[in-house]
Amino acid sequence: QIKAILQAANIELEVRQEASSSSLSPIEQNIVGMCLREAVTKIVKHSKATRCAVSVLESQGEMILKVEDNGIGLTDQNHDGNGIRGMKERIAL
């Protein structure tokens, strides 16, 4: 789904997966998916990026989801919007 969202916006996707989500519960997988979709949506709407890199890593038994782009970056104004706050709340569960 994120691939289609990025393709529609002419943003190139690079995926680096060094960890599997199979160890996550279905609820955790859903939360990770929702956060990933929200991050990609923010990139499309605000970043003016042409590339997006998604990395799924594991460190000390924890999954790390890293989403990066080559866009304009966040300002203090758009850093604490509902989308980012929502991602933080979901991950805290």
PDB file of N, CA and C in Angstrom:
ATOM      1  N   GLN A   1       0.817  -1.192   0.000  1.00  0.00           N
ATOM      2  CA  GLN A   1       0.000   0.000   0.000  1.00  0.00           C
ATOM      3  C   GLN A   1       0.869   1.267   0.000  1.00  0.00           C
ATOM      4  N   ILE A   2       1.943   1.285   0.786  1.00  0.00           N
ATOM      5  CA  ILE A   2       2.777   2.491   0.793  1.00  0.00           C
ATOM      6  C   ILE A   2       3.480   2.678  -0.546  1.00  0.00           C
ATOM      7  N   LYS A   3       3.793   1.576  -1.206  1.00  0.00           N
ATOM      8  CA  LYS A   3       4.429   1.664  -2.519  1.00  0.00           C
ATOM      9  C   LYS A   3       3.517   2.403  -3.493  1.00  0.00           C
ATOM     10  N   ALA A   4       2.235   2.077  -3.479  1.00  0.00           N
ATOM     11  CA  ALA A   4       1.272   2.730  -4.368  1.00  0.00           C
ATOM     12  C   ALA A   4       1.121   4.210  -4.032  1.00  0.00           C
ATOM     13  N   ILE A   5       1.098   4.535  -2.750  1.00  0.00           N
ATOM     14  CA  ILE A   5       0.973   5.934  -2.320  1.00  0.00           C
ATOM     15  C   ILE A   5       2.163   6.742  -2.828  1.00  0.00           C
ATOM     16  N   LEU A   6       3.357   6.198  -2.660  1.00  0.00           N
ATOM     17  CA  LEU A   6       4.563   6.904  -3.094  1.00  0.00           C
ATOM     18  C   LEU A   6       4.660   6.978  -4.611  1.00  0.00           C
ATOM     19  N   GLN A   7       4.299   5.898  -5.307  1.00  0.00           N
ATOM     20  CA  GLN A   7       4.333   5.912  -6.773  1.00  0.00           C
ATOM     21  C   GLN A   7       3.405   6.980  -7.330  1.00  0.00           C
ATOM     22  N   ALA A   8       2.221   7.115  -6.735  1.00  0.00           N
ATOM     23  CA  ALA A   8       1.261   8.118  -7.198  1.00  0.00           C
ATOM     24  C   ALA A   8       1.819   9.531  -7.058  1.00  0.00           C
ATOM     25  N   ALA A   9       2.722   9.725  -6.111  1.00  0.00           N
ATOM     26  CA  ALA A   9       3.339  11.036  -5.883  1.00  0.00           C
ATOM     27  C   ALA A   9       4.708  11.151  -6.555  1.00  0.00           C
ATOM     28  N   ASN A  10       5.062  10.173  -7.379  1.00  0.00           N
ATOM     29  CA  ASN A  10       6.362  10.149  -8.060  1.00  0.00           C
ATOM     30  C   ASN A  10       7.531  10.197  -7.088  1.00  0.00           C
ATOM     31  N   ILE A  11       7.405   9.450  -5.996  1.00  0.00           N
ATOM     32  CA  ILE A  11       8.473   9.355  -5.004  1.00  0.00           C
ATOM     33  C   ILE A  11       9.033   7.940  -5.047  1.00  0.00           C
ATOM     34  N   GLU A  12      10.330   7.847  -5.245  1.00  0.00           N
ATOM     35  CA  GLU A  12      11.015   6.552  -5.333  1.00  0.00           C
ATOM     36  C   GLU A  12      11.111   5.917  -3.945  1.00  0.00           C
ATOM     37  N   LEU A  13      10.843   4.623  -3.869  1.00  0.00           N
ATOM     38  CA  LEU A  13      10.884   3.900  -2.598  1.00  0.00           C
ATOM     39  C   LEU A  13      12.069   2.947  -2.559  1.00  0.00           C
ATOM     40  N   GLU A  14      12.803   2.995  -1.458  1.00  0.00           N
ATOM     41  CA  GLU A  14      13.881   2.041  -1.188  1.00  0.00           C
ATOM     42  C   GLU A  14      13.548   1.351   0.133  1.00  0.00           C
ATOM     43  N   VAL A  15      13.577   0.021   0.131  1.00  0.00           N
ATOM     44  CA  VAL A  15      13.257  -0.742   1.339  1.00  0.00           C
ATOM     45  C   VAL A  15      14.477  -1.537   1.760  1.00  0.00           C
ATOM     46  N   ARG A  16      14.796  -1.449   3.033  1.00  0.00           N
ATOM     47  CA  ARG A  16      15.892  -2.231   3.624  1.00  0.00           C
ATOM     48  C   ARG A  16      15.296  -2.986   4.805  1.00  0.00           C
ATOM     49  N   GLN A  17      15.189  -4.288   4.665  1.00  0.00           N
ATOM     50  CA  GLN A  17      14.567  -5.086   5.717  1.00  0.00           C
ATOM     51  C   GLN A  17      15.573  -6.084   6.262  1.00  0.00           C
ATOM     52  N   GLU A  18      15.989  -5.844   7.507  1.00  0.00           N
ATOM     53  CA  GLU A  18      16.931  -6.729   8.180  1.00  0.00           C
ATOM     54  C   GLU A  18      16.281  -7.440   9.355  1.00  0.00           C
ATOM     55  N   ALA A  19      14.992  -7.196   9.558  1.00  0.00           N
ATOM     56  CA  ALA A  19      14.248  -7.850  10.640  1.00  0.00           C
ATOM     57  C   ALA A  19      12.888  -8.244  10.098  1.00  0.00           C
ATOM     58  N   SER A  20      12.312  -9.249  10.694  1.00  0.00           N
ATOM     59  CA  SER A  20      11.007  -9.734  10.274  1.00  0.00           C
ATOM     60  C   SER A  20       9.941  -9.258  11.251  1.00  0.00           C
ATOM     61  N   SER A  21       8.791  -8.929  10.702  1.00  0.00           N
ATOM     62  CA  SER A  21       7.678  -8.533  11.568  1.00  0.00           C
ATOM     63  C   SER A  21       6.896  -9.747  12.054  1.00  0.00           C
ATOM     64  N   SER A  22       7.334 -10.941  11.684  1.00  0.00           N
ATOM     65  CA  SER A  22       6.593 -12.148  12.063  1.00  0.00           C
ATOM     66  C   SER A  22       6.599 -12.389  13.571  1.00  0.00           C
ATOM     67  N   SER A  23       7.560 -11.807  14.283  1.00  0.00           N
ATOM     68  CA  SER A  23       7.598 -11.979  15.737  1.00  0.00           C
ATOM     69  C   SER A  23       6.620 -11.045  16.453  1.00  0.00           C
ATOM     70  N   LEU A  24       6.011 -10.129  15.703  1.00  0.00           N
ATOM     71  CA  LEU A  24       5.046  -9.203  16.285  1.00  0.00           C
ATOM     72  C   LEU A  24       3.657  -9.829  16.305  1.00  0.00           C
ATOM     73  N   SER A  25       2.877  -9.453  17.290  1.00  0.00           N
ATOM     74  CA  SER A  25       1.484  -9.905  17.343  1.00  0.00           C
ATOM     75  C   SER A  25       0.709  -9.221  16.214  1.00  0.00           C
ATOM     76  N   PRO A  26      -0.454  -9.741  15.852  1.00  0.00           N
ATOM     77  CA  PRO A  26      -1.258  -9.072  14.818  1.00  0.00           C
ATOM     78  C   PRO A  26      -1.576  -7.617  15.166  1.00  0.00           C
ATOM     79  N   ILE A  27      -1.826  -7.337  16.425  1.00  0.00           N
ATOM     80  CA  ILE A  27      -2.106  -5.950  16.835  1.00  0.00           C
ATOM     81  C   ILE A  27      -0.870  -5.083  16.634  1.00  0.00           C
ATOM     82  N   GLU A  28       0.298  -5.594  17.023  1.00  0.00           N
ATOM     83  CA  GLU A  28       1.544  -4.836  16.844  1.00  0.00           C
ATOM     84  C   GLU A  28       1.833  -4.615  15.364  1.00  0.00           C
ATOM     85  N   GLN A  29       1.597  -5.629  14.530  1.00  0.00           N
ATOM     86  CA  GLN A  29       1.794  -5.479  13.089  1.00  0.00           C
ATOM     87  C   GLN A  29       0.876  -4.395  12.532  1.00  0.00           C
ATOM     88  N   ASN A  30      -0.359  -4.367  13.010  1.00  0.00           N
ATOM     89  CA  ASN A  30      -1.314  -3.357  12.572  1.00  0.00           C
ATOM     90  C   ASN A  30      -0.849  -1.960  12.976  1.00  0.00           C
ATOM     91  N   ILE A  31      -0.366  -1.818  14.196  1.00  0.00           N
ATOM     92  CA  ILE A  31       0.119  -0.520  14.678  1.00  0.00           C
ATOM     93  C   ILE A  31       1.315  -0.050  13.853  1.00  0.00           C
ATOM     94  N   VAL A  32       2.247  -0.951  13.582  1.00  0.00           N
ATOM     95  CA  VAL A  32       3.414  -0.596  12.766  1.00  0.00           C
ATOM     96  C   VAL A  32       2.963  -0.167  11.371  1.00  0.00           C
ATOM     97  N   GLY A  33       2.019  -0.899  10.795  1.00  0.00           N
ATOM     98  CA  GLY A  33       1.499  -0.549   9.474  1.00  0.00           C
ATOM     99  C   GLY A  33       0.831   0.814   9.457  1.00  0.00           C
ATOM    100  N   MET A  34       0.051   1.111  10.490  1.00  0.00           N
ATOM    101  CA  MET A  34      -0.615   2.415  10.579  1.00  0.00           C
ATOM    102  C   MET A  34       0.405   3.541  10.697  1.00  0.00           C
ATOM    103  N   CYS A  35       1.430   3.333  11.499  1.00  0.00           N
ATOM    104  CA  CYS A  35       2.476   4.351  11.655  1.00  0.00           C
ATOM    105  C   CYS A  35       3.242   4.551  10.353  1.00  0.00           C
ATOM    106  N   LEU A  36       3.524   3.471   9.659  1.00  0.00           N
ATOM    107  CA  LEU A  36       4.232   3.568   8.385  1.00  0.00           C
ATOM    108  C   LEU A  36       3.393   4.326   7.361  1.00  0.00           C
ATOM    109  N   ARG A  37       2.108   4.019   7.275  1.00  0.00           N
ATOM    110  CA  ARG A  37       1.228   4.744   6.353  1.00  0.00           C
ATOM    111  C   ARG A  37       1.160   6.230   6.708  1.00  0.00           C
ATOM    112  N   GLU A  38       1.092   6.541   7.986  1.00  0.00           N
ATOM    113  CA  GLU A  38       1.043   7.943   8.415  1.00  0.00           C
ATOM    114  C   GLU A  38       2.340   8.664   8.048  1.00  0.00           C
ATOM    115  N   ALA A  39       3.473   8.021   8.272  1.00  0.00           N
ATOM    116  CA  ALA A  39       4.761   8.635   7.932  1.00  0.00           C
ATOM    117  C   ALA A  39       4.864   8.898   6.431  1.00  0.00           C
ATOM    118  N   VAL A  40       4.444   7.932   5.629  1.00  0.00           N
ATOM    119  CA  VAL A  40       4.494   8.085   4.172  1.00  0.00           C
ATOM    120  C   VAL A  40       3.532   9.187   3.720  1.00  0.00           C
ATOM    121  N   THR A  41       2.371   9.247   4.331  1.00  0.00           N
ATOM    122  CA  THR A  41       1.414  10.305   4.000  1.00  0.00           C
ATOM    123  C   THR A  41       2.008  11.675   4.299  1.00  0.00           C
ATOM    124  N   LYS A  42       2.704  11.808   5.426  1.00  0.00           N
ATOM    125  CA  LYS A  42       3.362  13.076   5.771  1.00  0.00           C
ATOM    126  C   LYS A  42       4.419  13.438   4.727  1.00  0.00           C
ATOM    127  N   ILE A  43       5.164  12.444   4.278  1.00  0.00           N
ATOM    128  CA  ILE A  43       6.183  12.695   3.254  1.00  0.00           C
ATOM    129  C   ILE A  43       5.531  13.233   1.989  1.00  0.00           C
ATOM    130  N   VAL A  44       4.469  12.572   1.538  1.00  0.00           N
ATOM    131  CA  VAL A  44       3.788  12.988   0.313  1.00  0.00           C
ATOM    132  C   VAL A  44       3.211  14.397   0.461  1.00  0.00           C
ATOM    133  N   LYS A  45       2.588  14.680   1.582  1.00  0.00           N
ATOM    134  CA  LYS A  45       1.903  15.965   1.766  1.00  0.00           C
ATOM    135  C   LYS A  45       2.844  17.138   2.014  1.00  0.00           C
ATOM    136  N   HIS A  46       3.936  16.900   2.729  1.00  0.00           N
ATOM    137  CA  HIS A  46       4.700  18.037   3.251  1.00  0.00           C
ATOM    138  C   HIS A  46       6.167  18.125   2.829  1.00  0.00           C
ATOM    139  N   SER A  47       6.788  17.033   2.414  1.00  0.00           N
ATOM    140  CA  SER A  47       8.251  17.041   2.315  1.00  0.00           C
ATOM    141  C   SER A  47       8.828  17.528   0.995  1.00  0.00           C
ATOM    142  N   LYS A  48       8.043  17.457  -0.077  1.00  0.00           N
ATOM    143  CA  LYS A  48       8.556  17.755  -1.424  1.00  0.00           C
ATOM    144  C   LYS A  48       9.705  16.815  -1.789  1.00  0.00           C
ATOM    145  N   ALA A  49       9.662  15.607  -1.265  1.00  0.00           N
ATOM    146  CA  ALA A  49      10.727  14.624  -1.493  1.00  0.00           C
ATOM    147  C   ALA A  49      10.573  13.952  -2.853  1.00  0.00           C
ATOM    148  N   THR A  50      11.687  13.401  -3.327  1.00  0.00           N
ATOM    149  CA  THR A  50      11.672  12.563  -4.526  1.00  0.00           C
ATOM    150  C   THR A  50      12.063  11.129  -4.196  1.00  0.00           C
ATOM    151  N   ARG A  51      12.567  10.919  -2.969  1.00  0.00           N
ATOM    152  CA  ARG A  51      12.966   9.573  -2.525  1.00  0.00           C
ATOM    153  C   ARG A  51      12.514   9.349  -1.091  1.00  0.00           C
ATOM    154  N   CYS A  52      12.193   8.083  -0.800  1.00  0.00           N
ATOM    155  CA  CYS A  52      11.815   7.675   0.550  1.00  0.00           C
ATOM    156  C   CYS A  52      12.487   6.338   0.828  1.00  0.00           C
ATOM    157  N   ALA A  53      13.126   6.224   1.971  1.00  0.00           N
ATOM    158  CA  ALA A  53      13.776   4.972   2.370  1.00  0.00           C
ATOM    159  C   ALA A  53      13.111   4.463   3.642  1.00  0.00           C
ATOM    160  N   VAL A  54      12.704   3.199   3.612  1.00  0.00           N
ATOM    161  CA  VAL A  54      12.096   2.554   4.774  1.00  0.00           C
ATOM    162  C   VAL A  54      13.016   1.423   5.200  1.00  0.00           C
ATOM    163  N   SER A  55      13.436   1.450   6.449  1.00  0.00           N
ATOM    164  CA  SER A  55      14.303   0.403   6.998  1.00  0.00           C
ATOM    165  C   SER A  55      13.594  -0.268   8.161  1.00  0.00           C
ATOM    166  N   VAL A  56      13.663  -1.595   8.184  1.00  0.00           N
ATOM    167  CA  VAL A  56      13.136  -2.373   9.303  1.00  0.00           C
ATOM    168  C   VAL A  56      14.323  -3.117   9.894  1.00  0.00           C
ATOM    169  N   LEU A  57      14.708  -2.724  11.101  1.00  0.00           N
ATOM    170  CA  LEU A  57      15.904  -3.253  11.740  1.00  0.00           C
ATOM    171  C   LEU A  57      15.541  -3.840  13.093  1.00  0.00           C
ATOM    172  N   GLU A  58      16.466  -4.578  13.652  1.00  0.00           N
ATOM    173  CA  GLU A  58      16.278  -5.095  15.005  1.00  0.00           C
ATOM    174  C   GLU A  58      17.530  -4.796  15.808  1.00  0.00           C
ATOM    175  N   SER A  59      17.330  -4.300  17.023  1.00  0.00           N
ATOM    176  CA  SER A  59      18.441  -3.999  17.906  1.00  0.00           C
ATOM    177  C   SER A  59      18.042  -4.340  19.328  1.00  0.00           C
ATOM    178  N   GLN A  60      18.814  -5.159  19.962  1.00  0.00           N
ATOM    179  CA  GLN A  60      18.593  -5.563  21.352  1.00  0.00           C
ATOM    180  C   GLN A  60      17.163  -6.052  21.579  1.00  0.00           C
ATOM    181  N   GLY A  61      16.685  -6.853  20.634  1.00  0.00           N
ATOM    182  CA  GLY A  61      15.361  -7.444  20.755  1.00  0.00           C
ATOM    183  C   GLY A  61      14.208  -6.514  20.426  1.00  0.00           C
ATOM    184  N   GLU A  62      14.492  -5.317  19.970  1.00  0.00           N
ATOM    185  CA  GLU A  62      13.445  -4.366  19.615  1.00  0.00           C
ATOM    186  C   GLU A  62      13.450  -4.115  18.119  1.00  0.00           C
ATOM    187  N   MET A  63      12.272  -3.944  17.551  1.00  0.00           N
ATOM    188  CA  MET A  63      12.153  -3.609  16.140  1.00  0.00           C
ATOM    189  C   MET A  63      12.296  -2.099  15.987  1.00  0.00           C
ATOM    190  N   ILE A  64      13.060  -1.698  14.983  1.00  0.00           N
ATOM    191  CA  ILE A  64      13.245  -0.285  14.674  1.00  0.00           C
ATOM    192  C   ILE A  64      12.718  -0.059  13.268  1.00  0.00           C
ATOM    193  N   LEU A  65      11.755   0.822  13.143  1.00  0.00           N
ATOM    194  CA  LEU A  65      11.205   1.215  11.852  1.00  0.00           C
ATOM    195  C   LEU A  65      11.708   2.622  11.574  1.00  0.00           C
ATOM    196  N   LYS A  66      12.454   2.764  10.502  1.00  0.00           N
ATOM    197  CA  LYS A  66      13.081   4.043  10.178  1.00  0.00           C
ATOM    198  C   LYS A  66      12.559   4.496   8.815  1.00  0.00           C
ATOM    199  N   VAL A  67      12.012   5.695   8.757  1.00  0.00           N
ATOM    200  CA  VAL A  67      11.486   6.246   7.510  1.00  0.00           C
ATOM    201  C   VAL A  67      12.206   7.565   7.259  1.00  0.00           C
ATOM    202  N   GLU A  68      12.886   7.640   6.127  1.00  0.00           N
ATOM    203  CA  GLU A  68      13.668   8.836   5.790  1.00  0.00           C
ATOM    204  C   GLU A  68      13.303   9.297   4.388  1.00  0.00           C
ATOM    205  N   ASP A  69      13.477  10.584   4.140  1.00  0.00           N
ATOM    206  CA  ASP A  69      13.259  11.113   2.796  1.00  0.00           C
ATOM    207  C   ASP A  69      14.281  12.207   2.511  1.00  0.00           C
ATOM    208  N   ASN A  70      14.315  12.649   1.269  1.00  0.00           N
ATOM    209  CA  ASN A  70      15.243  13.710   0.885  1.00  0.00           C
ATOM    210  C   ASN A  70      14.513  15.044   0.736  1.00  0.00           C
ATOM    211  N   GLY A  71      13.465  15.221   1.510  1.00  0.00           N
ATOM    212  CA  GLY A  71      12.643  16.425   1.420  1.00  0.00           C
ATOM    213  C   GLY A  71      13.178  17.589   2.232  1.00  0.00           C
ATOM    214  N   ILE A  72      12.301  18.544   2.477  1.00  0.00           N
ATOM    215  CA  ILE A  72      12.696  19.817   3.083  1.00  0.00           C
ATOM    216  C   ILE A  72      12.836  19.770   4.596  1.00  0.00           C
ATOM    217  N   GLY A  73      12.413  18.707   5.231  1.00  0.00           N
ATOM    218  CA  GLY A  73      12.563  18.580   6.678  1.00  0.00           C
ATOM    219  C   GLY A  73      11.372  19.142   7.437  1.00  0.00           C
ATOM    220  N   LEU A  74      11.401  18.919   8.731  1.00  0.00           N
ATOM    221  CA  LEU A  74      10.322  19.378   9.607  1.00  0.00           C
ATOM    222  C   LEU A  74      10.682  20.712  10.234  1.00  0.00           C
ATOM    223  N   THR A  75       9.677  21.538  10.411  1.00  0.00           N
ATOM    224  CA  THR A  75       9.843  22.760  11.190  1.00  0.00           C
ATOM    225  C   THR A  75       9.139  22.542  12.524  1.00  0.00           C
ATOM    226  N   ASP A  76       9.369  23.425  13.468  1.00  0.00           N
ATOM    227  CA  ASP A  76       8.670  23.323  14.753  1.00  0.00           C
ATOM    228  C   ASP A  76       7.165  23.380  14.557  1.00  0.00           C
ATOM    229  N   GLN A  77       6.724  24.116  13.533  1.00  0.00           N
ATOM    230  CA  GLN A  77       5.302  24.276  13.264  1.00  0.00           C
ATOM    231  C   GLN A  77       4.636  22.963  12.867  1.00  0.00           C
ATOM    232  N   ASN A  78       5.264  22.179  12.007  1.00  0.00           N
ATOM    233  CA  ASN A  78       4.606  20.958  11.541  1.00  0.00           C
ATOM    234  C   ASN A  78       5.127  19.707  12.237  1.00  0.00           C
ATOM    235  N   HIS A  79       5.976  19.846  13.210  1.00  0.00           N
ATOM    236  CA  HIS A  79       6.566  18.689  13.888  1.00  0.00           C
ATOM    237  C   HIS A  79       5.612  18.033  14.871  1.00  0.00           C
ATOM    238  N   ASP A  80       4.772  18.797  15.523  1.00  0.00           N
ATOM    239  CA  ASP A  80       3.895  18.241  16.550  1.00  0.00           C
ATOM    240  C   ASP A  80       2.436  18.186  16.119  1.00  0.00           C
ATOM    241  N   GLY A  81       2.193  17.908  14.862  1.00  0.00           N
ATOM    242  CA  GLY A  81       0.820  17.785  14.385  1.00  0.00           C
ATOM    243  C   GLY A  81       0.159  16.519  14.902  1.00  0.00           C
ATOM    244  N   ASN A  82      -1.103  16.363  14.575  1.00  0.00           N
ATOM    245  CA  ASN A  82      -1.860  15.201  15.034  1.00  0.00           C
ATOM    246  C   ASN A  82      -1.284  13.886  14.534  1.00  0.00           C
ATOM    247  N   GLY A  83      -0.748  13.873  13.327  1.00  0.00           N
ATOM    248  CA  GLY A  83      -0.204  12.632  12.773  1.00  0.00           C
ATOM    249  C   GLY A  83       0.967  12.098  13.572  1.00  0.00           C
ATOM    250  N   ILE A  84       1.894  12.957  13.892  1.00  0.00           N
ATOM    251  CA  ILE A  84       3.068  12.531  14.661  1.00  0.00           C
ATOM    252  C   ILE A  84       2.662  12.192  16.088  1.00  0.00           C
ATOM    253  N   ARG A  85       1.787  12.992  16.657  1.00  0.00           N
ATOM    254  CA  ARG A  85       1.296  12.702  18.005  1.00  0.00           C
ATOM    255  C   ARG A  85       0.580  11.342  18.020  1.00  0.00           C
ATOM    256  N   GLY A  86      -0.226  11.079  16.998  1.00  0.00           N
ATOM    257  CA  GLY A  86      -0.931   9.803  16.904  1.00  0.00           C
ATOM    258  C   GLY A  86       0.021   8.623  16.801  1.00  0.00           C
ATOM    259  N   MET A  87       1.102   8.796  16.025  1.00  0.00           N
ATOM    260  CA  MET A  87       2.095   7.719  15.911  1.00  0.00           C
ATOM    261  C   MET A  87       2.742   7.451  17.265  1.00  0.00           C
ATOM    262  N   LYS A  88       3.096   8.506  17.982  1.00  0.00           N
ATOM    263  CA  LYS A  88       3.713   8.338  19.306  1.00  0.00           C
ATOM    264  C   LYS A  88       2.768   7.609  20.257  1.00  0.00           C
ATOM    265  N   GLU A  89       1.489   7.969  20.214  1.00  0.00           N
ATOM    266  CA  GLU A  89       0.508   7.323  21.090  1.00  0.00           C
ATOM    267  C   GLU A  89       0.334   5.848  20.743  1.00  0.00           C
ATOM    268  N   ARG A  90       0.286   5.533  19.454  1.00  0.00           N
ATOM    269  CA  ARG A  90       0.129   4.133  19.044  1.00  0.00           C
ATOM    270  C   ARG A  90       1.324   3.296  19.482  1.00  0.00           C
ATOM    271  N   ILE A  91       2.520   3.823  19.260  1.00  0.00           N
ATOM    272  CA  ILE A  91       3.735   3.083  19.601  1.00  0.00           C
ATOM    273  C   ILE A  91       3.831   2.874  21.106  1.00  0.00           C
ATOM    274  N   ALA A  92       3.351   3.830  21.892  1.00  0.00           N
ATOM    275  CA  ALA A  92       3.416   3.719  23.351  1.00  0.00           C
ATOM    276  C   ALA A  92       2.550   2.580  23.884  1.00  0.00           C
ATOM    277  N   LEU A  93       1.567   2.137  23.098  1.00  0.00           N
ATOM    278  CA  LEU A  93       0.719   1.028  23.535  1.00  0.00           C
ATOM    279  C   LEU A  93       1.559  -0.196  23.630  1.00  0.00           C
TER     280      LEU A  93
END
